[in-house]
């Protein structure tokens, strides 16, 4: 399952909503038999990286969104969270 475009408004940040949403996505995927959840986030989204890593996601790759992104060293990080039975 691919997680795309998760966001919490600035006014609601710091209340644990992103962690709760992430847990819900993992439970949704697990209940439907998916083996893993994958996602991508940019190098500048440090808070998002911390959130995902705190939820057990591991960085599995890096890419550049375009030739301009390569020239500007704007990296996209790819993450994966395996969903085991005892998870």
PDB file of N, CA and C in Angstrom:
ATOM      1  N   UNK A   1       0.853  -1.163   0.000  1.00  0.00           N
ATOM      2  CA  UNK A   1       0.000   0.000   0.000  1.00  0.00           C
ATOM      3  C   UNK A   1       0.902   1.230   0.000  1.00  0.00           C
ATOM      4  N   UNK A   2       0.559   2.230  -0.790  1.00  0.00           N
ATOM      5  CA  UNK A   2       1.346   3.460  -0.823  1.00  0.00           C
ATOM      6  C   UNK A   2       0.601   4.567  -0.088  1.00  0.00           C
ATOM      7  N   UNK A   3       1.263   5.175   0.870  1.00  0.00           N
ATOM      8  CA  UNK A   3       0.730   6.323   1.599  1.00  0.00           C
ATOM      9  C   UNK A   3       1.144   7.577   0.848  1.00  0.00           C
ATOM     10  N   UNK A   4       0.153   8.392   0.456  1.00  0.00           N
ATOM     11  CA  UNK A   4       0.439   9.608  -0.312  1.00  0.00           C
ATOM     12  C   UNK A   4      -0.185  10.810   0.366  1.00  0.00           C
ATOM     13  N   UNK A   5       0.549  11.890   0.423  1.00  0.00           N
ATOM     14  CA  UNK A   5       0.038  13.199   0.804  1.00  0.00           C
ATOM     15  C   UNK A   5      -0.642  13.277   2.174  1.00  0.00           C
ATOM     16  N   UNK A   6      -0.020  12.747   3.195  1.00  0.00           N
ATOM     17  CA  UNK A   6      -0.567  12.902   4.540  1.00  0.00           C
ATOM     18  C   UNK A   6      -0.134  14.258   5.076  1.00  0.00           C
ATOM     19  N   UNK A   7      -1.090  15.005   5.617  1.00  0.00           N
ATOM     20  CA  UNK A   7      -0.781  16.331   6.126  1.00  0.00           C
ATOM     21  C   UNK A   7      -1.730  16.683   7.263  1.00  0.00           C
ATOM     22  N   UNK A   8      -1.207  17.419   8.238  1.00  0.00           N
ATOM     23  CA  UNK A   8      -2.000  17.953   9.341  1.00  0.00           C
ATOM     24  C   UNK A   8      -1.818  19.458   9.317  1.00  0.00           C
ATOM     25  N   UNK A   9      -2.905  20.211   9.444  1.00  0.00           N
ATOM     26  CA  UNK A   9      -2.815  21.669   9.395  1.00  0.00           C
ATOM     27  C   UNK A   9      -1.914  22.195  10.511  1.00  0.00           C
ATOM     28  N   UNK A  10      -1.283  23.308  10.252  1.00  0.00           N
ATOM     29  CA  UNK A  10      -0.369  23.903  11.231  1.00  0.00           C
ATOM     30  C   UNK A  10      -1.038  24.113  12.583  1.00  0.00           C
ATOM     31  N   UNK A  11      -2.299  24.505  12.569  1.00  0.00           N
ATOM     32  CA  UNK A  11      -3.017  24.776  13.817  1.00  0.00           C
ATOM     33  C   UNK A  11      -3.217  23.521  14.661  1.00  0.00           C
ATOM     34  N   UNK A  12      -3.216  22.359  14.021  1.00  0.00           N
ATOM     35  CA  UNK A  12      -3.475  21.099  14.718  1.00  0.00           C
ATOM     36  C   UNK A  12      -2.218  20.294  15.026  1.00  0.00           C
ATOM     37  N   UNK A  13      -1.075  20.784  14.616  1.00  0.00           N
ATOM     38  CA  UNK A  13       0.178  20.039  14.832  1.00  0.00           C
ATOM     39  C   UNK A  13       0.552  20.031  16.314  1.00  0.00           C
ATOM     40  N   UNK A  14       1.285  19.000  16.693  1.00  0.00           N
ATOM     41  CA  UNK A  14       1.745  18.880  18.067  1.00  0.00           C
ATOM     42  C   UNK A  14       0.749  18.180  18.980  1.00  0.00           C
ATOM     43  N   UNK A  15      -0.320  17.651  18.417  1.00  0.00           N
ATOM     44  CA  UNK A  15      -1.355  16.982  19.203  1.00  0.00           C
ATOM     45  C   UNK A  15      -1.358  15.470  19.010  1.00  0.00           C
ATOM     46  N   UNK A  16      -0.408  14.960  18.250  1.00  0.00           N
ATOM     47  CA  UNK A  16      -0.331  13.521  18.019  1.00  0.00           C
ATOM     48  C   UNK A  16      -1.224  13.025  16.891  1.00  0.00           C
ATOM     49  N   UNK A  17      -1.819  13.947  16.129  1.00  0.00           N
ATOM     50  CA  UNK A  17      -2.717  13.543  15.048  1.00  0.00           C
ATOM     51  C   UNK A  17      -1.986  12.799  13.938  1.00  0.00           C
ATOM     52  N   UNK A  18      -0.804  13.256  13.570  1.00  0.00           N
ATOM     53  CA  UNK A  18      -0.051  12.591  12.501  1.00  0.00           C
ATOM     54  C   UNK A  18       0.325  11.171  12.917  1.00  0.00           C
ATOM     55  N   UNK A  19       0.740  10.996  14.167  1.00  0.00           N
ATOM     56  CA  UNK A  19       1.055   9.642  14.646  1.00  0.00           C
ATOM     57  C   UNK A  19      -0.188   8.757  14.607  1.00  0.00           C
ATOM     58  N   UNK A  20      -1.327   9.311  15.044  1.00  0.00           N
ATOM     59  CA  UNK A  20      -2.576   8.537  15.027  1.00  0.00           C
ATOM     60  C   UNK A  20      -2.981   8.180  13.597  1.00  0.00           C
ATOM     61  N   UNK A  21      -2.864   9.126  12.671  1.00  0.00           N
ATOM     62  CA  UNK A  21      -3.184   8.843  11.268  1.00  0.00           C
ATOM     63  C   UNK A  21      -2.273   7.758  10.711  1.00  0.00           C
ATOM     64  N   UNK A  22      -1.011   7.841  11.034  1.00  0.00           N
ATOM     65  CA  UNK A  22      -0.046   6.856  10.550  1.00  0.00           C
ATOM     66  C   UNK A  22      -0.382   5.469  11.101  1.00  0.00           C
ATOM     67  N   UNK A  23      -0.700   5.386  12.389  1.00  0.00           N
ATOM     68  CA  UNK A  23      -1.084   4.100  12.977  1.00  0.00           C
ATOM     69  C   UNK A  23      -2.339   3.550  12.297  1.00  0.00           C
ATOM     70  N   UNK A  24      -3.281   4.436  11.982  1.00  0.00           N
ATOM     71  CA  UNK A  24      -4.517   4.009  11.323  1.00  0.00           C
ATOM     72  C   UNK A  24      -4.238   3.459   9.922  1.00  0.00           C
ATOM     73  N   UNK A  25      -3.339   4.099   9.197  1.00  0.00           N
ATOM     74  CA  UNK A  25      -2.959   3.611   7.865  1.00  0.00           C
ATOM     75  C   UNK A  25      -2.328   2.227   7.984  1.00  0.00           C
ATOM     76  N   UNK A  26      -1.454   2.047   8.965  1.00  0.00           N
ATOM     77  CA  UNK A  26      -0.813   0.745   9.151  1.00  0.00           C
ATOM     78  C   UNK A  26      -1.849  -0.321   9.494  1.00  0.00           C
ATOM     79  N   UNK A  27      -2.797   0.000  10.359  1.00  0.00           N
ATOM     80  CA  UNK A  27      -3.844  -0.954  10.730  1.00  0.00           C
ATOM     81  C   UNK A  27      -4.731  -1.278   9.525  1.00  0.00           C
ATOM     82  N   UNK A  28      -5.074  -0.257   8.739  1.00  0.00           N
ATOM     83  CA  UNK A  28      -5.884  -0.436   7.529  1.00  0.00           C
ATOM     84  C   UNK A  28      -5.185  -1.397   6.566  1.00  0.00           C
ATOM     85  N   UNK A  29      -3.903  -1.160   6.327  1.00  0.00           N
ATOM     86  CA  UNK A  29      -3.134  -1.994   5.392  1.00  0.00           C
ATOM     87  C   UNK A  29      -3.025  -3.425   5.911  1.00  0.00           C
ATOM     88  N   UNK A  30      -2.741  -3.553   7.187  1.00  0.00           N
ATOM     89  CA  UNK A  30      -2.588  -4.882   7.793  1.00  0.00           C
ATOM     90  C   UNK A  30      -3.905  -5.666   7.695  1.00  0.00           C
ATOM     91  N   UNK A  31      -5.027  -5.014   8.012  1.00  0.00           N
ATOM     92  CA  UNK A  31      -6.336  -5.674   7.997  1.00  0.00           C
ATOM     93  C   UNK A  31      -6.723  -6.145   6.601  1.00  0.00           C
ATOM     94  N   UNK A  32      -6.169  -5.519   5.589  1.00  0.00           N
ATOM     95  CA  UNK A  32      -6.497  -5.876   4.211  1.00  0.00           C
ATOM     96  C   UNK A  32      -5.450  -6.771   3.556  1.00  0.00           C
ATOM     97  N   UNK A  33      -4.507  -7.224   4.352  1.00  0.00           N
ATOM     98  CA  UNK A  33      -3.554  -8.203   3.863  1.00  0.00           C
ATOM     99  C   UNK A  33      -2.336  -7.670   3.139  1.00  0.00           C
ATOM    100  N   UNK A  34      -2.100  -6.368   3.213  1.00  0.00           N
ATOM    101  CA  UNK A  34      -0.893  -5.828   2.581  1.00  0.00           C
ATOM    102  C   UNK A  34       0.330  -6.264   3.378  1.00  0.00           C
ATOM    103  N   UNK A  35       1.428  -6.464   2.686  1.00  0.00           N
ATOM    104  CA  UNK A  35       2.659  -6.883   3.331  1.00  0.00           C
ATOM    105  C   UNK A  35       3.528  -5.730   3.785  1.00  0.00           C
ATOM    106  N   UNK A  36       3.279  -4.529   3.228  1.00  0.00           N
ATOM    107  CA  UNK A  36       4.113  -3.375   3.564  1.00  0.00           C
ATOM    108  C   UNK A  36       3.388  -2.095   3.165  1.00  0.00           C
ATOM    109  N   UNK A  37       3.834  -1.002   3.769  1.00  0.00           N
ATOM    110  CA  UNK A  37       3.392   0.338   3.388  1.00  0.00           C
ATOM    111  C   UNK A  37       4.629   1.083   2.910  1.00  0.00           C
ATOM    112  N   UNK A  38       4.528   1.759   1.782  1.00  0.00           N
ATOM    113  CA  UNK A  38       5.635   2.552   1.240  1.00  0.00           C
ATOM    114  C   UNK A  38       5.198   4.010   1.126  1.00  0.00           C
ATOM    115  N   UNK A  39       6.170   4.899   1.148  1.00  0.00           N
ATOM    116  CA  UNK A  39       5.902   6.329   1.006  1.00  0.00           C
ATOM    117  C   UNK A  39       7.177   7.042   0.608  1.00  0.00           C
ATOM    118  N   UNK A  40       7.014   8.288   0.191  1.00  0.00           N
ATOM    119  CA  UNK A  40       8.159   9.137  -0.153  1.00  0.00           C
ATOM    120  C   UNK A  40       7.968  10.489   0.503  1.00  0.00           C
ATOM    121  N   UNK A  41       9.074  11.112   0.886  1.00  0.00           N
ATOM    122  CA  UNK A  41       9.043  12.457   1.433  1.00  0.00           C
ATOM    123  C   UNK A  41      10.338  13.154   1.038  1.00  0.00           C
ATOM    124  N   UNK A  42      10.326  14.460   1.038  1.00  0.00           N
ATOM    125  CA  UNK A  42      11.530  15.178   0.602  1.00  0.00           C
ATOM    126  C   UNK A  42      12.530  15.324   1.742  1.00  0.00           C
ATOM    127  N   UNK A  43      13.751  15.589   1.372  1.00  0.00           N
ATOM    128  CA  UNK A  43      14.833  15.752   2.340  1.00  0.00           C
ATOM    129  C   UNK A  43      14.589  16.919   3.279  1.00  0.00           C
ATOM    130  N   UNK A  44      13.831  17.910   2.837  1.00  0.00           N
ATOM    131  CA  UNK A  44      13.599  19.089   3.689  1.00  0.00           C
ATOM    132  C   UNK A  44      12.483  18.864   4.706  1.00  0.00           C
ATOM    133  N   UNK A  45      11.726  17.799   4.569  1.00  0.00           N
ATOM    134  CA  UNK A  45      10.634  17.516   5.494  1.00  0.00           C
ATOM    135  C   UNK A  45      11.143  16.661   6.660  1.00  0.00           C
ATOM    136  N   UNK A  46      11.944  17.280   7.497  1.00  0.00           N
ATOM    137  CA  UNK A  46      12.619  16.585   8.592  1.00  0.00           C
ATOM    138  C   UNK A  46      11.617  16.053   9.615  1.00  0.00           C
ATOM    139  N   UNK A  47      10.587  16.823   9.943  1.00  0.00           N
ATOM    140  CA  UNK A  47       9.580  16.360  10.899  1.00  0.00           C
ATOM    141  C   UNK A  47       8.869  15.113  10.375  1.00  0.00           C
ATOM    142  N   UNK A  48       8.585  15.081   9.086  1.00  0.00           N
ATOM    143  CA  UNK A  48       7.940  13.912   8.487  1.00  0.00           C
ATOM    144  C   UNK A  48       8.867  12.701   8.567  1.00  0.00           C
ATOM    145  N   UNK A  49      10.138  12.900   8.302  1.00  0.00           N
ATOM    146  CA  UNK A  49      11.100  11.801   8.394  1.00  0.00           C
ATOM    147  C   UNK A  49      11.121  11.229   9.808  1.00  0.00           C
ATOM    148  N   UNK A  50      11.144  12.109  10.811  1.00  0.00           N
ATOM    149  CA  UNK A  50      11.144  11.656  12.210  1.00  0.00           C
ATOM    150  C   UNK A  50       9.862  10.888  12.534  1.00  0.00           C
ATOM    151  N   UNK A  51       8.716  11.399  12.059  1.00  0.00           N
ATOM    152  CA  UNK A  51       7.448  10.724  12.289  1.00  0.00           C
ATOM    153  C   UNK A  51       7.495   9.312  11.716  1.00  0.00           C
ATOM    154  N   UNK A  52       7.844   9.183  10.451  1.00  0.00           N
ATOM    155  CA  UNK A  52       7.824   7.881   9.793  1.00  0.00           C
ATOM    156  C   UNK A  52       8.835   6.921  10.427  1.00  0.00           C
ATOM    157  N   UNK A  53      10.019   7.401  10.710  1.00  0.00           N
ATOM    158  CA  UNK A  53      11.025   6.539  11.333  1.00  0.00           C
ATOM    159  C   UNK A  53      10.567   6.106  12.725  1.00  0.00           C
ATOM    160  N   UNK A  54       9.877   6.997  13.446  1.00  0.00           N
ATOM    161  CA  UNK A  54       9.334   6.656  14.754  1.00  0.00           C
ATOM    162  C   UNK A  54       8.222   5.619  14.687  1.00  0.00           C
ATOM    163  N   UNK A  55       7.594   5.477  13.521  1.00  0.00           N
ATOM    164  CA  UNK A  55       6.536   4.484  13.311  1.00  0.00           C
ATOM    165  C   UNK A  55       7.077   3.199  12.692  1.00  0.00           C
ATOM    166  N   UNK A  56       8.397   3.083  12.621  1.00  0.00           N
ATOM    167  CA  UNK A  56       9.009   1.849  12.148  1.00  0.00           C
ATOM    168  C   UNK A  56       9.348   1.809  10.669  1.00  0.00           C
ATOM    169  N   UNK A  57       9.159   2.918   9.960  1.00  0.00           N
ATOM    170  CA  UNK A  57       9.538   2.956   8.543  1.00  0.00           C
ATOM    171  C   UNK A  57      11.057   3.043   8.444  1.00  0.00           C
ATOM    172  N   UNK A  58      11.602   2.408   7.421  1.00  0.00           N
ATOM    173  CA  UNK A  58      13.044   2.438   7.166  1.00  0.00           C
ATOM    174  C   UNK A  58      13.291   3.035   5.791  1.00  0.00           C
ATOM    175  N   UNK A  59      14.309   3.885   5.710  1.00  0.00           N
ATOM    176  CA  UNK A  59      14.670   4.484   4.422  1.00  0.00           C
ATOM    177  C   UNK A  59      15.239   3.399   3.528  1.00  0.00           C
ATOM    178  N   UNK A  60      14.670   3.283   2.319  1.00  0.00           N
ATOM    179  CA  UNK A  60      15.102   2.224   1.398  1.00  0.00           C
ATOM    180  C   UNK A  60      15.683   2.773   0.101  1.00  0.00           C
ATOM    181  N   UNK A  61      15.688   4.088  -0.053  1.00  0.00           N
ATOM    182  CA  UNK A  61      16.244   4.647  -1.275  1.00  0.00           C
ATOM    183  C   UNK A  61      16.144   6.160  -1.315  1.00  0.00           C
ATOM    184  N   UNK A  62      16.808   6.719  -2.291  1.00  0.00           N
ATOM    185  CA  UNK A  62      16.831   8.163  -2.515  1.00  0.00           C
ATOM    186  C   UNK A  62      16.750   8.403  -4.009  1.00  0.00           C
ATOM    187  N   UNK A  63      16.031   9.442  -4.388  1.00  0.00           N
ATOM    188  CA  UNK A  63      15.969   9.804  -5.807  1.00  0.00           C
ATOM    189  C   UNK A  63      15.863  11.315  -5.933  1.00  0.00           C
ATOM    190  N   UNK A  64      15.884  11.775  -7.157  1.00  0.00           N
ATOM    191  CA  UNK A  64      15.714  13.195  -7.476  1.00  0.00           C
ATOM    192  C   UNK A  64      14.477  13.324  -8.358  1.00  0.00           C
ATOM    193  N   UNK A  65      13.617  14.318  -8.088  1.00  0.00           N
ATOM    194  CA  UNK A  65      12.364  14.416  -8.828  1.00  0.00           C
ATOM    195  C   UNK A  65      12.516  14.863 -10.284  1.00  0.00           C
ATOM    196  N   UNK A  66      13.651  15.480 -10.606  1.00  0.00           N
ATOM    197  CA  UNK A  66      13.837  16.016 -11.959  1.00  0.00           C
ATOM    198  C   UNK A  66      15.313  16.356 -12.158  1.00  0.00           C
ATOM    199  N   UNK A  67      15.639  16.772 -13.372  1.00  0.00           N
ATOM    200  CA  UNK A  67      16.998  17.225 -13.646  1.00  0.00           C
ATOM    201  C   UNK A  67      17.322  18.460 -12.796  1.00  0.00           C
ATOM    202  N   UNK A  68      16.347  19.366 -12.667  1.00  0.00           N
ATOM    203  CA  UNK A  68      16.551  20.541 -11.815  1.00  0.00           C
ATOM    204  C   UNK A  68      16.749  20.118 -10.365  1.00  0.00           C
ATOM    205  N   UNK A  69      15.962  19.141  -9.921  1.00  0.00           N
ATOM    206  CA  UNK A  69      16.131  18.625  -8.563  1.00  0.00           C
ATOM    207  C   UNK A  69      17.524  18.065  -8.348  1.00  0.00           C
ATOM    208  N   UNK A  70      18.054  17.396  -9.353  1.00  0.00           N
ATOM    209  CA  UNK A  70      19.417  16.871  -9.275  1.00  0.00           C
ATOM    210  C   UNK A  70      20.418  18.016  -9.166  1.00  0.00           C
ATOM    211  N   UNK A  71      20.255  19.035 -10.001  1.00  0.00           N
ATOM    212  CA  UNK A  71      21.174  20.182  -9.983  1.00  0.00           C
ATOM    213  C   UNK A  71      21.130  20.903  -8.638  1.00  0.00           C
ATOM    214  N   UNK A  72      19.941  20.940  -8.025  1.00  0.00           N
ATOM    215  CA  UNK A  72      19.783  21.626  -6.735  1.00  0.00           C
ATOM    216  C   UNK A  72      20.006  20.706  -5.543  1.00  0.00           C
ATOM    217  N   UNK A  73      20.320  19.436  -5.814  1.00  0.00           N
ATOM    218  CA  UNK A  73      20.502  18.416  -4.784  1.00  0.00           C
ATOM    219  C   UNK A  73      19.249  18.284  -3.914  1.00  0.00           C
ATOM    220  N   UNK A  74      18.064  18.362  -4.539  1.00  0.00           N
ATOM    221  CA  UNK A  74      16.790  18.207  -3.848  1.00  0.00           C
ATOM    222  C   UNK A  74      16.407  16.736  -3.901  1.00  0.00           C
ATOM    223  N   UNK A  75      16.590  16.067  -2.787  1.00  0.00           N
ATOM    224  CA  UNK A  75      16.401  14.621  -2.735  1.00  0.00           C
ATOM    225  C   UNK A  75      15.004  14.231  -2.240  1.00  0.00           C
ATOM    226  N   UNK A  76      14.540  13.115  -2.749  1.00  0.00           N
ATOM    227  CA  UNK A  76      13.330  12.467  -2.269  1.00  0.00           C
ATOM    228  C   UNK A  76      13.767  11.172  -1.587  1.00  0.00           C
ATOM    229  N   UNK A  77      13.306  10.975  -0.355  1.00  0.00           N
ATOM    230  CA  UNK A  77      13.621   9.758   0.386  1.00  0.00           C
ATOM    231  C   UNK A  77      12.438   8.801   0.280  1.00  0.00           C
ATOM    232  N   UNK A  78      12.739   7.534   0.055  1.00  0.00           N
ATOM    233  CA  UNK A  78      11.722   6.492  -0.059  1.00  0.00           C
ATOM    234  C   UNK A  78      11.788   5.619   1.193  1.00  0.00           C
ATOM    235  N   UNK A  79      10.628   5.379   1.774  1.00  0.00           N
ATOM    236  CA  UNK A  79      10.524   4.609   3.011  1.00  0.00           C
ATOM    237  C   UNK A  79       9.639   3.388   2.809  1.00  0.00           C
ATOM    238  N   UNK A  80       9.866   2.387   3.661  1.00  0.00           N
ATOM    239  CA  UNK A  80       9.065   1.159   3.632  1.00  0.00           C
ATOM    240  C   UNK A  80       8.873   0.680   5.066  1.00  0.00           C
ATOM    241  N   UNK A  81       7.656   0.231   5.347  1.00  0.00           N
ATOM    242  CA  UNK A  81       7.332  -0.356   6.661  1.00  0.00           C
ATOM    243  C   UNK A  81       6.727  -1.724   6.410  1.00  0.00           C
ATOM    244  N   UNK A  82       7.457  -2.767   6.785  1.00  0.00           N
ATOM    245  CA  UNK A  82       6.962  -4.120   6.648  1.00  0.00           C
ATOM    246  C   UNK A  82       5.854  -4.356   7.684  1.00  0.00           C
ATOM    247  N   UNK A  83       4.863  -5.139   7.308  1.00  0.00           N
ATOM    248  CA  UNK A  83       3.753  -5.452   8.199  1.00  0.00           C
ATOM    249  C   UNK A  83       3.763  -6.941   8.505  1.00  0.00           C
ATOM    250  N   UNK A  84       4.299  -7.293   9.659  1.00  0.00           N
ATOM    251  CA  UNK A  84       4.342  -8.697  10.051  1.00  0.00           C
ATOM    252  C   UNK A  84       3.104  -9.088  10.839  1.00  0.00           C
ATOM    253  N   UNK A  85       2.937 -10.384  11.057  1.00  0.00           N
ATOM    254  CA  UNK A  85       1.778 -10.890  11.789  1.00  0.00           C
ATOM    255  C   UNK A  85       1.718 -10.376  13.219  1.00  0.00           C
ATOM    256  N   UNK A  86       2.845 -10.331  13.897  1.00  0.00           N
ATOM    257  CA  UNK A  86       2.866  -9.888  15.291  1.00  0.00           C
ATOM    258  C   UNK A  86       3.002  -8.399  15.459  1.00  0.00           C
ATOM    259  N   UNK A  87       2.891  -7.671  14.380  1.00  0.00           N
ATOM    260  CA  UNK A  87       3.043  -6.213  14.369  1.00  0.00           C
ATOM    261  C   UNK A  87       1.945  -5.526  15.135  1.00  0.00           C
TER     262      UNK A  87
END
